[in-house]
Protein backbone atom coordinates (compact mmCIF):
# COMPACT_ATOMS: atom_id res chain seq x y z
CA MET A 1 261.04 -6.96 129.24
CA MET A 2 257.69 -5.66 126.96
CA ALA A 3 257.01 -8.17 125.65
CA ARG A 4 257.29 -10.21 128.35
CA MET A 5 254.91 -8.82 130.38
CA SER A 6 252.70 -9.14 127.77
CA MET A 7 252.90 -12.71 127.59
CA ILE A 8 252.36 -13.13 131.10
CA ARG A 9 249.24 -11.13 131.46
CA ALA A 10 247.85 -12.83 128.24
CA ALA A 11 248.63 -16.58 130.07
CA ALA A 12 247.33 -15.00 133.23
CA VAL A 13 244.18 -14.24 130.98
CA VAL A 14 243.88 -17.43 129.73
CA VAL A 15 244.08 -19.41 132.86
CA LEU A 16 241.78 -16.60 134.73
CA VAL A 17 238.72 -17.18 131.86
CA GLY A 18 239.46 -21.26 131.98
CA TRP A 19 239.11 -21.13 135.66
CA ILE A 20 235.82 -19.34 135.19
CA ALA A 21 234.15 -21.24 132.36
CA SER A 22 234.97 -24.60 134.82
CA CYS A 23 232.91 -23.36 137.18
CA ALA A 24 229.39 -25.01 137.69
CA THR A 25 226.47 -23.84 139.69
CA PRO A 26 225.54 -25.70 142.88
CA GLU A 27 222.52 -27.16 140.90
CA GLU A 28 225.25 -28.25 138.21
CA ARG A 29 227.74 -30.33 140.72
CA LEU A 30 224.62 -31.61 142.90
CA ALA A 31 223.18 -32.67 139.06
CA ALA A 32 226.97 -34.67 138.12
CA ASP A 33 227.20 -35.82 141.66
CA ARG A 34 223.78 -37.74 141.32
CA GLU A 35 224.34 -39.15 137.93
CA ARG A 36 228.07 -40.22 139.10
CA CYS A 37 226.96 -42.31 142.20
CA ALA A 38 223.99 -43.50 140.27
CA LYS A 39 226.82 -44.90 137.65
CA PHE A 40 228.61 -46.55 140.93
CA GLY A 41 225.24 -48.40 141.28
CA PHE A 42 223.81 -46.58 144.12
CA SER A 43 219.91 -46.19 144.31
CA GLU A 44 218.53 -43.04 144.93
CA GLY A 45 216.91 -42.47 148.47
CA THR A 46 219.40 -45.09 150.19
CA ASP A 47 222.06 -44.63 152.44
CA ALA A 48 225.08 -45.76 150.40
CA PHE A 49 223.47 -43.39 147.72
CA SER A 50 223.48 -40.52 150.12
CA SER A 51 226.93 -41.26 151.77
CA CYS A 52 228.58 -41.35 148.13
CA LEU A 53 227.13 -37.56 147.90
CA LEU A 54 228.24 -36.36 150.68
CA HIS A 55 232.03 -37.77 150.19
CA LEU A 56 231.93 -36.39 146.58
CA SER A 57 231.23 -33.11 148.20
CA LEU A 58 233.87 -33.79 150.94
CA ASP A 59 236.70 -34.53 148.31
CA ARG A 60 235.55 -30.59 146.84
CA SER A 61 235.89 -29.31 149.83
CA PRO A 62 240.20 -28.30 150.60
CA ARG A 63 239.51 -28.59 154.65
CA TYR A 64 238.38 -32.40 153.80
CA ARG A 65 240.31 -33.39 150.93
CA HIS A 66 243.87 -34.30 152.32
CA GLN A 67 241.86 -36.57 154.68
CA ALA A 68 240.52 -40.02 153.59
CA HIS A 69 236.93 -41.13 153.94
CA PHE A 70 236.62 -44.46 153.04
């Protein structure tokens, strides 16, 4: 029983550390989104580029994740 609890705690710590390590600042997410939209072929400063950024942001939002944006 004790060994099982230790394994569960160890697994929880691993998951928590991985989750914290995957966090990015808003600035890092924006930079990555800008790069992604540019790779899609959108030019910065255009309505299409802004729309791309908006959709990437909404895709991360749990409230809008289940809805189609396109």
